[in-house]
PDB file of N, CA and C in Angstrom:
ATOM      1  N   MET A   1     122.277 222.841  21.239  1.00  0.00           N
ATOM      2  CA  MET A   1     122.045 223.187  19.755  1.00  0.00           C
ATOM      3  C   MET A   1     122.072 224.730  19.534  1.00  0.00           C
ATOM      4  N   TYR A   2     122.233 225.308  18.319  1.00  0.00           N
ATOM      5  CA  TYR A   2     122.142 226.639  18.120  1.00  0.00           C
ATOM      6  C   TYR A   2     120.741 227.249  18.081  1.00  0.00           C
ATOM      7  N   LYS A   3     120.533 228.579  18.141  1.00  0.00           N
ATOM      8  CA  LYS A   3     119.393 229.083  18.256  1.00  0.00           C
ATOM      9  C   LYS A   3     119.469 230.103  16.826  1.00  0.00           C
ATOM     10  N   ALA A   4     118.543 229.870  15.870  1.00  0.00           N
ATOM     11  CA  ALA A   4     118.548 230.857  14.717  1.00  0.00           C
ATOM     12  C   ALA A   4     117.920 231.944  15.225  1.00  0.00           C
ATOM     13  N   LYS A   5     118.340 233.022  14.602  1.00  0.00           N
ATOM     14  CA  LYS A   5     117.889 234.510  14.987  1.00  0.00           C
ATOM     15  C   LYS A   5     117.159 235.069  13.999  1.00  0.00           C
ATOM     16  N   TYR A   6     117.475 235.147  12.664  1.00  0.00           N
ATOM     17  CA  TYR A   6     116.704 235.739  11.685  1.00  0.00           C
ATOM     18  C   TYR A   6     116.806 235.085  10.332  1.00  0.00           C
ATOM     19  N   LEU A   7     115.708 234.964   9.635  1.00  0.00           N
ATOM     20  CA  LEU A   7     115.843 234.264   8.359  1.00  0.00           C
ATOM     21  C   LEU A   7     114.321 234.320   7.668  1.00  0.00           C
ATOM     22  N   SER A   8     114.028 234.428   6.623  1.00  0.00           N
ATOM     23  CA  SER A   8     113.022 234.439   5.641  1.00  0.00           C
ATOM     24  C   SER A   8     113.119 234.335   4.148  1.00  0.00           C
ATOM     25  N   PRO A   9     113.908 233.455   3.577  1.00  0.00           N
ATOM     26  CA  PRO A   9     113.990 233.538   2.419  1.00  0.00           C
ATOM     27  C   PRO A   9     113.221 232.728   1.528  1.00  0.00           C
ATOM     28  N   MET A  10     113.057 232.988   0.332  1.00  0.00           N
ATOM     29  CA  MET A  10     112.195 232.004  -0.613  1.00  0.00           C
ATOM     30  C   MET A  10     113.252 231.592  -1.691  1.00  0.00           C
ATOM     31  N   ILE A  11     113.427 230.291  -1.578  1.00  0.00           N
ATOM     32  CA  ILE A  11     114.698 229.499  -2.500  1.00  0.00           C
ATOM     33  C   ILE A  11     114.048 229.045  -3.907  1.00  0.00           C
ATOM     34  N   SER A  12     114.483 229.214  -4.782  1.00  0.00           N
ATOM     35  CA  SER A  12     114.143 228.572  -6.079  1.00  0.00           C
ATOM     36  C   SER A  12     114.808 227.455  -6.450  1.00  0.00           C
ATOM     37  N   SER A  13     114.233 226.232  -6.505  1.00  0.00           N
ATOM     38  CA  SER A  13     115.101 225.009  -6.575  1.00  0.00           C
ATOM     39  C   SER A  13     114.722 224.230  -8.046  1.00  0.00           C
ATOM     40  N   PHE A  14     115.930 223.702  -8.438  1.00  0.00           N
ATOM     41  CA  PHE A  14     115.875 222.794  -9.515  1.00  0.00           C
ATOM     42  C   PHE A  14     115.529 221.374  -9.214  1.00  0.00           C
ATOM     43  N   ASP A  15     115.607 221.071  -8.127  1.00  0.00           N
ATOM     44  CA  ASP A  15     115.172 219.708  -7.512  1.00  0.00           C
ATOM     45  C   ASP A  15     114.622 219.953  -6.077  1.00  0.00           C
ATOM     46  N   MET A  16     113.079 220.036  -5.972  1.00  0.00           N
ATOM     47  CA  MET A  16     112.474 220.374  -4.709  1.00  0.00           C
ATOM     48  C   MET A  16     112.785 219.479  -3.723  1.00  0.00           C
ATOM     49  N   LYS A  17     112.973 218.225  -3.921  1.00  0.00           N
ATOM     50  CA  LYS A  17     112.991 217.026  -2.849  1.00  0.00           C
ATOM     51  C   LYS A  17     114.536 217.082  -2.235  1.00  0.00           C
ATOM     52  N   GLU A  18     115.646 217.300  -3.244  1.00  0.00           N
ATOM     53  CA  GLU A  18     117.064 217.409  -2.716  1.00  0.00           C
ATOM     54  C   GLU A  18     117.217 218.685  -1.956  1.00  0.00           C
ATOM     55  N   THR A  19     116.555 219.891  -2.440  1.00  0.00           N
ATOM     56  CA  THR A  19     116.651 221.039  -1.755  1.00  0.00           C
ATOM     57  C   THR A  19     116.184 221.043  -0.328  1.00  0.00           C
ATOM     58  N   VAL A  20     114.851 220.452  -0.309  1.00  0.00           N
ATOM     59  CA  VAL A  20     114.224 220.257   1.146  1.00  0.00           C
ATOM     60  C   VAL A  20     114.999 219.466   1.989  1.00  0.00           C
ATOM     61  N   LEU A  21     115.646 218.500   1.584  1.00  0.00           N
ATOM     62  CA  LEU A  21     116.516 217.411   2.282  1.00  0.00           C
ATOM     63  C   LEU A  21     117.603 218.094   2.921  1.00  0.00           C
ATOM     64  N   PHE A  22     118.195 218.804   1.945  1.00  0.00           N
ATOM     65  CA  PHE A  22     119.457 219.814   2.423  1.00  0.00           C
ATOM     66  C   PHE A  22     119.258 220.747   3.545  1.00  0.00           C
ATOM     67  N   ILE A  23     118.153 221.435   3.292  1.00  0.00           N
ATOM     68  CA  ILE A  23     117.792 222.380   4.671  1.00  0.00           C
ATOM     69  C   ILE A  23     117.419 221.438   5.858  1.00  0.00           C
ATOM     70  N   GLN A  24     116.846 220.525   5.711  1.00  0.00           N
ATOM     71  CA  GLN A  24     116.246 219.655   6.731  1.00  0.00           C
ATOM     72  C   GLN A  24     117.328 219.143   7.678  1.00  0.00           C
ATOM     73  N   ASN A  25     118.464 218.512   6.827  1.00  0.00           N
ATOM     74  CA  ASN A  25     119.245 217.612   7.254  1.00  0.00           C
ATOM     75  C   ASN A  25     120.692 218.486   7.664  1.00  0.00           C
ATOM     76  N   LEU A  26     120.979 219.478   6.904  1.00  0.00           N
ATOM     77  CA  LEU A  26     122.094 220.185   7.240  1.00  0.00           C
ATOM     78  C   LEU A  26     121.780 221.116   8.450  1.00  0.00           C
ATOM     79  N   LEU A  27     120.701 221.906   8.517  1.00  0.00           N
ATOM     80  CA  LEU A  27     120.278 223.104   9.545  1.00  0.00           C
ATOM     81  C   LEU A  27     119.204 222.657  10.415  1.00  0.00           C
ATOM     82  N   ASP A  28     118.691 221.485  10.409  1.00  0.00           N
ATOM     83  CA  ASP A  28     117.868 220.754  11.149  1.00  0.00           C
ATOM     84  C   ASP A  28     116.489 221.449  11.392  1.00  0.00           C
ATOM     85  N   PHE A  29     116.068 222.099  10.163  1.00  0.00           N
ATOM     86  CA  PHE A  29     114.776 222.692  10.000  1.00  0.00           C
ATOM     87  C   PHE A  29     113.850 221.597   9.884  1.00  0.00           C
ATOM     88  N   LYS A  30     112.690 221.700  10.461  1.00  0.00           N
ATOM     89  CA  LYS A  30     111.577 220.682  10.312  1.00  0.00           C
ATOM     90  C   LYS A  30     110.596 221.215   9.092  1.00  0.00           C
ATOM     91  N   ILE A  31     109.862 220.149   8.457  1.00  0.00           N
ATOM     92  CA  ILE A  31     108.933 220.505   7.526  1.00  0.00           C
ATOM     93  C   ILE A  31     107.570 220.748   7.991  1.00  0.00           C
ATOM     94  N   THR A  32     107.221 221.810   7.341  1.00  0.00           N
ATOM     95  CA  THR A  32     105.780 222.337   7.740  1.00  0.00           C
ATOM     96  C   THR A  32     104.801 221.968   6.611  1.00  0.00           C
ATOM     97  N   ILE A  33     105.354 222.281   5.319  1.00  0.00           N
ATOM     98  CA  ILE A  33     104.508 221.834   4.047  1.00  0.00           C
ATOM     99  C   ILE A  33     105.441 221.226   3.260  1.00  0.00           C
ATOM    100  N   ASN A  34     105.397 220.023   2.660  1.00  0.00           N
ATOM    101  CA  ASN A  34     106.214 219.534   1.414  1.00  0.00           C
ATOM    102  C   ASN A  34     105.302 218.974   0.374  1.00  0.00           C
ATOM    103  N   GLU A  35     104.896 219.776  -0.656  1.00  0.00           N
ATOM    104  CA  GLU A  35     104.372 219.572  -1.805  1.00  0.00           C
ATOM    105  C   GLU A  35     105.378 219.533  -3.079  1.00  0.00           C
ATOM    106  N   SER A  36     104.722 219.055  -4.184  1.00  0.00           N
ATOM    107  CA  SER A  36     105.662 219.004  -5.298  1.00  0.00           C
ATOM    108  C   SER A  36     105.914 220.210  -5.894  1.00  0.00           C
ATOM    109  N   THR A  37     105.200 221.307  -5.706  1.00  0.00           N
ATOM    110  CA  THR A  37     105.292 222.644  -5.975  1.00  0.00           C
ATOM    111  C   THR A  37     105.573 223.857  -4.914  1.00  0.00           C
ATOM    112  N   TYR A  38     105.882 223.304  -3.813  1.00  0.00           N
ATOM    113  CA  TYR A  38     105.834 224.340  -2.573  1.00  0.00           C
ATOM    114  C   TYR A  38     106.248 223.514  -1.502  1.00  0.00           C
ATOM    115  N   ALA A  39     107.387 224.043  -0.762  1.00  0.00           N
ATOM    116  CA  ALA A  39     107.575 223.409   0.575  1.00  0.00           C
ATOM    117  C   ALA A  39     107.844 224.700   1.555  1.00  0.00           C
ATOM    118  N   ILE A  40     107.803 224.555   2.759  1.00  0.00           N
ATOM    119  CA  ILE A  40     107.894 225.401   3.858  1.00  0.00           C
ATOM    120  C   ILE A  40     108.630 224.598   4.868  1.00  0.00           C
ATOM    121  N   LEU A  41     109.852 225.129   5.426  1.00  0.00           N
ATOM    122  CA  LEU A  41     110.709 224.671   6.494  1.00  0.00           C
ATOM    123  C   LEU A  41     110.609 225.422   7.641  1.00  0.00           C
ATOM    124  N   HIS A  42     110.758 224.971   9.054  1.00  0.00           N
ATOM    125  CA  HIS A  42     110.677 225.937  10.135  1.00  0.00           C
ATOM    126  C   HIS A  42     111.884 225.611  11.151  1.00  0.00           C
ATOM    127  N   LYS A  43     112.307 226.411  11.776  1.00  0.00           N
ATOM    128  CA  LYS A  43     113.257 226.240  12.932  1.00  0.00           C
ATOM    129  C   LYS A  43     113.060 227.640  13.859  1.00  0.00           C
ATOM    130  N   ASP A  44     112.797 227.430  15.142  1.00  0.00           N
ATOM    131  CA  ASP A  44     112.871 228.618  16.000  1.00  0.00           C
ATOM    132  C   ASP A  44     111.947 229.652  15.456  1.00  0.00           C
ATOM    133  N   ASN A  45     110.831 229.400  15.160  1.00  0.00           N
ATOM    134  CA  ASN A  45     109.748 230.448  14.540  1.00  0.00           C
ATOM    135  C   ASN A  45     110.405 230.929  13.226  1.00  0.00           C
ATOM    136  N   LEU A  46     111.192 230.625  12.635  1.00  0.00           N
ATOM    137  CA  LEU A  46     111.551 230.975  11.233  1.00  0.00           C
ATOM    138  C   LEU A  46     111.213 230.137  10.161  1.00  0.00           C
ATOM    139  N   THR A  47     111.116 230.604   8.985  1.00  0.00           N
ATOM    140  CA  THR A  47     110.700 229.652   7.941  1.00  0.00           C
ATOM    141  C   THR A  47     111.590 230.080   6.624  1.00  0.00           C
ATOM    142  N   ILE A  48     111.792 228.851   5.722  1.00  0.00           N
ATOM    143  CA  ILE A  48     112.338 229.045   4.601  1.00  0.00           C
ATOM    144  C   ILE A  48     111.214 228.372   3.610  1.00  0.00           C
ATOM    145  N   HIS A  49     111.074 229.026   2.557  1.00  0.00           N
ATOM    146  CA  HIS A  49     110.110 228.549   1.417  1.00  0.00           C
ATOM    147  C   HIS A  49     110.785 228.287   0.246  1.00  0.00           C
ATOM    148  N   ILE A  50     110.609 227.078  -0.323  1.00  0.00           N
ATOM    149  CA  ILE A  50     111.301 226.546  -1.525  1.00  0.00           C
ATOM    150  C   ILE A  50     109.998 226.183  -2.424  1.00  0.00           C
ATOM    151  N   LEU A  51     110.499 226.832  -3.650  1.00  0.00           N
ATOM    152  CA  LEU A  51     109.474 226.485  -4.982  1.00  0.00           C
ATOM    153  C   LEU A  51     110.284 226.233  -6.149  1.00  0.00           C
ATOM    154  N   PRO A  52     109.709 225.747  -7.090  1.00  0.00           N
ATOM    155  CA  PRO A  52     110.418 225.274  -8.363  1.00  0.00           C
ATOM    156  C   PRO A  52     110.877 226.458  -9.048  1.00  0.00           C
ATOM    157  N   THR A  53     112.041 226.342  -9.589  1.00  0.00           N
ATOM    158  CA  THR A  53     112.847 227.500 -10.217  1.00  0.00           C
ATOM    159  C   THR A  53     112.038 227.892 -11.552  1.00  0.00           C
ATOM    160  N   ASN A  54     112.223 229.034 -11.791  1.00  0.00           N
ATOM    161  CA  ASN A  54     111.972 229.831 -12.877  1.00  0.00           C
ATOM    162  C   ASN A  54     113.143 230.139 -13.686  1.00  0.00           C
ATOM    163  N   PRO A  55     113.028 229.805 -15.104  1.00  0.00           N
ATOM    164  CA  PRO A  55     114.267 230.042 -15.807  1.00  0.00           C
ATOM    165  C   PRO A  55     114.777 231.496 -15.801  1.00  0.00           C
ATOM    166  N   GLY A  56     114.171 232.530 -15.483  1.00  0.00           N
ATOM    167  CA  GLY A  56     114.594 233.857 -15.318  1.00  0.00           C
ATOM    168  C   GLY A  56     115.435 234.074 -13.856  1.00  0.00           C
ATOM    169  N   ILE A  57     115.307 233.240 -13.153  1.00  0.00           N
ATOM    170  CA  ILE A  57     115.783 233.566 -11.790  1.00  0.00           C
ATOM    171  C   ILE A  57     117.354 233.623 -11.653  1.00  0.00           C
ATOM    172  N   GLY A  58     117.863 234.506 -11.275  1.00  0.00           N
ATOM    173  CA  GLY A  58     119.330 234.610 -11.190  1.00  0.00           C
ATOM    174  C   GLY A  58     119.832 234.051  -9.865  1.00  0.00           C
ATOM    175  N   GLN A  59     121.138 234.383  -9.407  1.00  0.00           N
ATOM    176  CA  GLN A  59     121.695 233.832  -8.175  1.00  0.00           C
ATOM    177  C   GLN A  59     120.984 234.535  -7.003  1.00  0.00           C
ATOM    178  N   MET A  60     120.816 233.811  -5.893  1.00  0.00           N
ATOM    179  CA  MET A  60     120.116 234.220  -4.801  1.00  0.00           C
ATOM    180  C   MET A  60     121.135 234.054  -3.581  1.00  0.00           C
ATOM    181  N   GLU A  61     121.187 234.805  -2.720  1.00  0.00           N
ATOM    182  CA  GLU A  61     121.984 234.568  -1.282  1.00  0.00           C
ATOM    183  C   GLU A  61     121.105 234.866  -0.116  1.00  0.00           C
ATOM    184  N   PHE A  62     121.120 234.251   0.882  1.00  0.00           N
ATOM    185  CA  PHE A  62     120.491 234.519   2.156  1.00  0.00           C
ATOM    186  C   PHE A  62     121.428 234.259   3.312  1.00  0.00           C
ATOM    187  N   TYR A  63     121.203 234.984   4.383  1.00  0.00           N
ATOM    188  CA  TYR A  63     121.982 235.048   5.632  1.00  0.00           C
ATOM    189  C   TYR A  63     121.275 234.671   6.904  1.00  0.00           C
ATOM    190  N   LEU A  64     121.835 233.593   7.524  1.00  0.00           N
ATOM    191  CA  LEU A  64     121.165 232.904   8.674  1.00  0.00           C
ATOM    192  C   LEU A  64     122.073 233.453   9.705  1.00  0.00           C
ATOM    193  N   GLU A  65     121.525 234.496  10.576  1.00  0.00           N
ATOM    194  CA  GLU A  65     122.413 234.971  11.768  1.00  0.00           C
ATOM    195  C   GLU A  65     122.241 234.058  12.944  1.00  0.00           C
ATOM    196  N   VAL A  66     123.225 233.548  13.650  1.00  0.00           N
ATOM    197  CA  VAL A  66     123.138 232.504  14.764  1.00  0.00           C
ATOM    198  C   VAL A  66     123.779 233.129  16.077  1.00  0.00           C
ATOM    199  N   ASP A  67     123.411 232.490  17.161  1.00  0.00           N
ATOM    200  CA  ASP A  67     124.078 233.034  18.272  1.00  0.00           C
ATOM    201  C   ASP A  67     125.353 232.351  18.600  1.00  0.00           C
ATOM    202  N   ASN A  68     125.724 231.167  17.959  1.00  0.00           N
ATOM    203  CA  ASN A  68     127.115 230.337  18.202  1.00  0.00           C
ATOM    204  C   ASN A  68     127.514 229.627  17.030  1.00  0.00           C
ATOM    205  N   ILE A  69     128.294 230.402  16.193  1.00  0.00           N
ATOM    206  CA  ILE A  69     128.805 229.817  15.083  1.00  0.00           C
ATOM    207  C   ILE A  69     129.595 228.406  15.102  1.00  0.00           C
ATOM    208  N   GLN A  70     130.186 228.544  16.073  1.00  0.00           N
ATOM    209  CA  GLN A  70     131.032 227.144  16.438  1.00  0.00           C
ATOM    210  C   GLN A  70     130.058 226.065  16.695  1.00  0.00           C
ATOM    211  N   GLN A  71     129.111 226.154  17.410  1.00  0.00           N
ATOM    212  CA  GLN A  71     128.242 225.040  17.596  1.00  0.00           C
ATOM    213  C   GLN A  71     127.501 224.510  16.069  1.00  0.00           C
ATOM    214  N   VAL A  72     127.153 225.755  15.305  1.00  0.00           N
ATOM    215  CA  VAL A  72     126.615 225.440  14.006  1.00  0.00           C
ATOM    216  C   VAL A  72     127.683 224.583  13.198  1.00  0.00           C
ATOM    217  N   TRP A  73     128.849 225.182  13.265  1.00  0.00           N
ATOM    218  CA  TRP A  73     130.075 224.297  12.486  1.00  0.00           C
ATOM    219  C   TRP A  73     130.120 222.917  12.900  1.00  0.00           C
ATOM    220  N   ASN A  74     130.221 222.741  14.279  1.00  0.00           N
ATOM    221  CA  ASN A  74     130.480 221.347  14.795  1.00  0.00           C
ATOM    222  C   ASN A  74     129.108 220.587  14.365  1.00  0.00           C
ATOM    223  N   PHE A  75     127.905 221.038  14.255  1.00  0.00           N
ATOM    224  CA  PHE A  75     126.703 220.297  13.805  1.00  0.00           C
ATOM    225  C   PHE A  75     126.996 219.739  12.252  1.00  0.00           C
ATOM    226  N   ILE A  76     127.355 220.786  11.565  1.00  0.00           N
ATOM    227  CA  ILE A  76     127.204 220.571  10.077  1.00  0.00           C
ATOM    228  C   ILE A  76     128.587 220.053   9.339  1.00  0.00           C
ATOM    229  N   LYS A  77     129.640 220.362  10.080  1.00  0.00           N
ATOM    230  CA  LYS A  77     130.973 220.133   9.393  1.00  0.00           C
ATOM    231  C   LYS A  77     131.032 218.725   8.656  1.00  0.00           C
ATOM    232  N   ASN A  78     130.430 217.692   9.010  1.00  0.00           N
ATOM    233  CA  ASN A  78     130.400 216.168   8.488  1.00  0.00           C
ATOM    234  C   ASN A  78     129.449 216.158   7.798  1.00  0.00           C
ATOM    235  N   LYS A  79     128.563 217.004   7.365  1.00  0.00           N
ATOM    236  CA  LYS A  79     127.586 216.785   6.501  1.00  0.00           C
ATOM    237  C   LYS A  79     127.658 217.490   5.102  1.00  0.00           C
ATOM    238  N   LEU A  80     129.015 217.940   4.877  1.00  0.00           N
ATOM    239  CA  LEU A  80     129.012 218.968   3.728  1.00  0.00           C
ATOM    240  C   LEU A  80     129.801 218.251   2.514  1.00  0.00           C
ATOM    241  N   ASP A  81     129.997 216.906   2.576  1.00  0.00           N
ATOM    242  CA  ASP A  81     130.688 216.210   1.465  1.00  0.00           C
ATOM    243  C   ASP A  81     130.088 216.452   0.217  1.00  0.00           C
ATOM    244  N   GLY A  82     130.852 216.826  -0.927  1.00  0.00           N
ATOM    245  CA  GLY A  82     130.343 217.014  -2.274  1.00  0.00           C
ATOM    246  C   GLY A  82     129.928 218.558  -2.441  1.00  0.00           C
ATOM    247  N   LEU A  83     129.876 219.305  -1.397  1.00  0.00           N
ATOM    248  CA  LEU A  83     129.335 220.751  -1.583  1.00  0.00           C
ATOM    249  C   LEU A  83     130.453 221.696  -1.501  1.00  0.00           C
ATOM    250  N   LYS A  84     130.117 222.896  -2.172  1.00  0.00           N
ATOM    251  CA  LYS A  84     131.104 223.979  -1.961  1.00  0.00           C
ATOM    252  C   LYS A  84     130.826 224.743  -0.783  1.00  0.00           C
ATOM    253  N   PHE A  85     131.796 224.921  -0.097  1.00  0.00           N
ATOM    254  CA  PHE A  85     131.695 225.702   1.239  1.00  0.00           C
ATOM    255  C   PHE A  85     133.078 226.390   1.697  1.00  0.00           C
ATOM    256  N   LYS A  86     132.892 227.248   2.566  1.00  0.00           N
ATOM    257  CA  LYS A  86     134.134 227.803   3.194  1.00  0.00           C
ATOM    258  C   LYS A  86     133.768 227.686   4.556  1.00  0.00           C
ATOM    259  N   GLU A  87     134.765 226.965   5.404  1.00  0.00           N
ATOM    260  CA  GLU A  87     134.961 226.960   6.957  1.00  0.00           C
ATOM    261  C   GLU A  87     134.739 228.135   7.492  1.00  0.00           C
ATOM    262  N   PRO A  88     134.329 228.113   8.800  1.00  0.00           N
ATOM    263  CA  PRO A  88     134.187 229.468   9.546  1.00  0.00           C
ATOM    264  C   PRO A  88     135.680 230.534   9.406  1.00  0.00           C
ATOM    265  N   PHE A  89     135.243 231.642   9.199  1.00  0.00           N
ATOM    266  CA  PHE A  89     136.402 232.732   8.882  1.00  0.00           C
ATOM    267  C   PHE A  89     135.822 234.048   9.353  1.00  0.00           C
ATOM    268  N   ASP A  90     136.619 234.912   9.626  1.00  0.00           N
ATOM    269  CA  ASP A  90     136.263 236.509  10.075  1.00  0.00           C
ATOM    270  C   ASP A  90     136.281 237.226   8.950  1.00  0.00           C
ATOM    271  N   ARG A  91     135.322 238.238   8.766  1.00  0.00           N
ATOM    272  CA  ARG A  91     135.144 239.088   7.812  1.00  0.00           C
ATOM    273  C   ARG A  91     135.525 240.302   8.486  1.00  0.00           C
ATOM    274  N   GLU A  92     135.903 241.328   7.506  1.00  0.00           N
ATOM    275  CA  GLU A  92     136.486 242.712   7.527  1.00  0.00           C
ATOM    276  C   GLU A  92     135.312 243.548   8.446  1.00  0.00           C
ATOM    277  N   TYR A  93     134.025 243.184   8.325  1.00  0.00           N
ATOM    278  CA  TYR A  93     132.885 243.990   8.685  1.00  0.00           C
ATOM    279  C   TYR A  93     132.440 243.440  10.079  1.00  0.00           C
ATOM    280  N   GLY A  94     133.263 242.434  10.703  1.00  0.00           N
ATOM    281  CA  GLY A  94     132.819 242.243  12.177  1.00  0.00           C
ATOM    282  C   GLY A  94     131.950 240.908  12.180  1.00  0.00           C
ATOM    283  N   MET A  95     131.868 240.200  11.158  1.00  0.00           N
ATOM    284  CA  MET A  95     131.085 238.791  11.337  1.00  0.00           C
ATOM    285  C   MET A  95     132.002 237.708  11.070  1.00  0.00           C
ATOM    286  N   ARG A  96     131.765 236.432  11.764  1.00  0.00           N
ATOM    287  CA  ARG A  96     132.461 235.344  11.553  1.00  0.00           C
ATOM    288  C   ARG A  96     131.409 234.492  10.646  1.00  0.00           C
ATOM    289  N   GLU A  97     131.854 233.898   9.554  1.00  0.00           N
ATOM    290  CA  GLU A  97     130.892 233.241   8.516  1.00  0.00           C
ATOM    291  C   GLU A  97     131.209 232.029   8.041  1.00  0.00           C
ATOM    292  N   ILE A  98     130.200 231.250   7.690  1.00  0.00           N
ATOM    293  CA  ILE A  98     130.410 230.107   6.998  1.00  0.00           C
ATOM    294  C   ILE A  98     129.498 230.157   5.560  1.00  0.00           C
ATOM    295  N   HIS A  99     130.172 229.918   4.526  1.00  0.00           N
ATOM    296  CA  HIS A  99     129.403 229.863   3.299  1.00  0.00           C
ATOM    297  C   HIS A  99     129.193 228.620   2.496  1.00  0.00           C
ATOM    298  N   ILE A 100     128.113 228.165   2.304  1.00  0.00           N
ATOM    299  CA  ILE A 100     127.614 227.074   1.597  1.00  0.00           C
ATOM    300  C   ILE A 100     126.796 227.180   0.388  1.00  0.00           C
ATOM    301  N   GLY A 101     127.270 226.437  -0.896  1.00  0.00           N
ATOM    302  CA  GLY A 101     126.209 226.490  -1.883  1.00  0.00           C
ATOM    303  C   GLY A 101     125.126 225.384  -1.791  1.00  0.00           C
ATOM    304  N   VAL A 102     124.073 225.838  -1.746  1.00  0.00           N
ATOM    305  CA  VAL A 102     122.747 224.912  -1.542  1.00  0.00           C
ATOM    306  C   VAL A 102     122.579 224.124  -2.916  1.00  0.00           C
ATOM    307  N   PRO A 103     122.403 222.926  -2.674  1.00  0.00           N
ATOM    308  CA  PRO A 103     122.469 221.945  -3.897  1.00  0.00           C
ATOM    309  C   PRO A 103     121.091 222.255  -4.729  1.00  0.00           C
ATOM    310  N   LYS A 104     121.397 221.956  -6.080  1.00  0.00           N
ATOM    311  CA  LYS A 104     120.154 222.150  -6.881  1.00  0.00           C
ATOM    312  C   LYS A 104     119.487 223.249  -6.993  1.00  0.00           C
ATOM    313  N   THR A 105     120.090 224.584  -6.607  1.00  0.00           N
ATOM    314  CA  THR A 105     119.725 225.796  -6.544  1.00  0.00           C
ATOM    315  C   THR A 105     120.827 226.601  -7.298  1.00  0.00           C
ATOM    316  N   ASN A 106     120.469 227.992  -7.421  1.00  0.00           N
ATOM    317  CA  ASN A 106     121.559 228.924  -7.738  1.00  0.00           C
ATOM    318  C   ASN A 106     121.627 229.831  -6.464  1.00  0.00           C
ATOM    319  N   THR A 107     121.906 229.261  -5.304  1.00  0.00           N
ATOM    320  CA  THR A 107     121.635 229.994  -4.011  1.00  0.00           C
ATOM    321  C   THR A 107     122.912 229.684  -3.293  1.00  0.00           C
ATOM    322  N   LEU A 108     123.243 230.891  -2.463  1.00  0.00           N
ATOM    323  CA  LEU A 108     124.450 230.961  -1.491  1.00  0.00           C
ATOM    324  C   LEU A 108     124.035 230.986  -0.167  1.00  0.00           C
ATOM    325  N   LEU A 109     124.136 230.320   0.679  1.00  0.00           N
ATOM    326  CA  LEU A 109     123.854 230.311   2.086  1.00  0.00           C
ATOM    327  C   LEU A 109     124.950 230.984   2.921  1.00  0.00           C
ATOM    328  N   PHE A 110     124.646 232.027   3.835  1.00  0.00           N
ATOM    329  CA  PHE A 110     125.702 232.704   4.670  1.00  0.00           C
ATOM    330  C   PHE A 110     125.261 232.418   5.958  1.00  0.00           C
ATOM    331  N   ILE A 111     126.077 231.677   6.835  1.00  0.00           N
ATOM    332  CA  ILE A 111     125.628 231.615   8.398  1.00  0.00           C
ATOM    333  C   ILE A 111     126.653 232.426   9.177  1.00  0.00           C
ATOM    334  N   GLY A 112     126.327 233.349   9.861  1.00  0.00           N
ATOM    335  CA  GLY A 112     127.076 234.253  10.477  1.00  0.00           C
ATOM    336  C   GLY A 112     126.887 234.589  11.917  1.00  0.00           C
ATOM    337  N   GLN A 113     127.864 235.001  12.770  1.00  0.00           N
ATOM    338  CA  GLN A 113     127.701 235.477  14.037  1.00  0.00           C
ATOM    339  C   GLN A 113     128.502 236.794  14.309  1.00  0.00           C
ATOM    340  N   ALA A 114     128.108 237.803  14.800  1.00  0.00           N
ATOM    341  CA  ALA A 114     128.925 238.896  15.176  1.00  0.00           C
ATOM    342  C   ALA A 114     129.997 238.594  16.148  1.00  0.00           C
ATOM    343  N   VAL A 115     131.301 239.027  15.581  1.00  0.00           N
ATOM    344  CA  VAL A 115     132.396 238.913  16.434  1.00  0.00           C
ATOM    345  C   VAL A 115     132.659 240.007  17.367  1.00  0.00           C
ATOM    346  N   LYS A 116     132.872 239.792  18.618  1.00  0.00           N
ATOM    347  CA  LYS A 116     132.954 240.667  19.648  1.00  0.00           C
ATOM    348  C   LYS A 116     134.477 241.349  19.527  1.00  0.00           C
ATOM    349  N   LYS A 117     134.677 242.606  19.477  1.00  0.00           N
ATOM    350  CA  LYS A 117     135.917 243.046  19.302  1.00  0.00           C
ATOM    351  C   LYS A 117     136.483 243.658  20.719  1.00  0.00           C
ATOM    352  N   SER A 118     137.649 243.193  21.046  1.00  0.00           N
ATOM    353  CA  SER A 118     138.271 243.725  22.286  1.00  0.00           C
ATOM    354  C   SER A 118     138.595 245.111  22.277  1.00  0.00           C
ATOM    355  N   THR A 119     138.194 245.639  23.490  1.00  0.00           N
ATOM    356  CA  THR A 119     138.436 247.077  23.539  1.00  0.00           C
ATOM    357  C   THR A 119     139.835 247.333  24.339  1.00  0.00           C
TER     358      THR A 119
END
């Protein structure tokens, strides 16, 4: 399994239950707190906080850097039915990324790994 390296977002959700399940099932985060007005999930000492949306909230993005993006892709690729996503691809700034729209939110999840360049 992959090791998550950095993450600490607070996600505003239109449907707390569905957003919690998405984070739990797709990224293998475990529930710490799951109340109707606040949830915290964790993995490898990192946390994601989920709270009900506020009408004034705009789009949010967060970036999960991992140690092995191919392992992540192999783990999640069969769990993305009905979601907007981009398969792993290389960016001009040296990262290999996966992009996923988080259900019932106005949030875009980036998962990335630095690409080693040959010298």
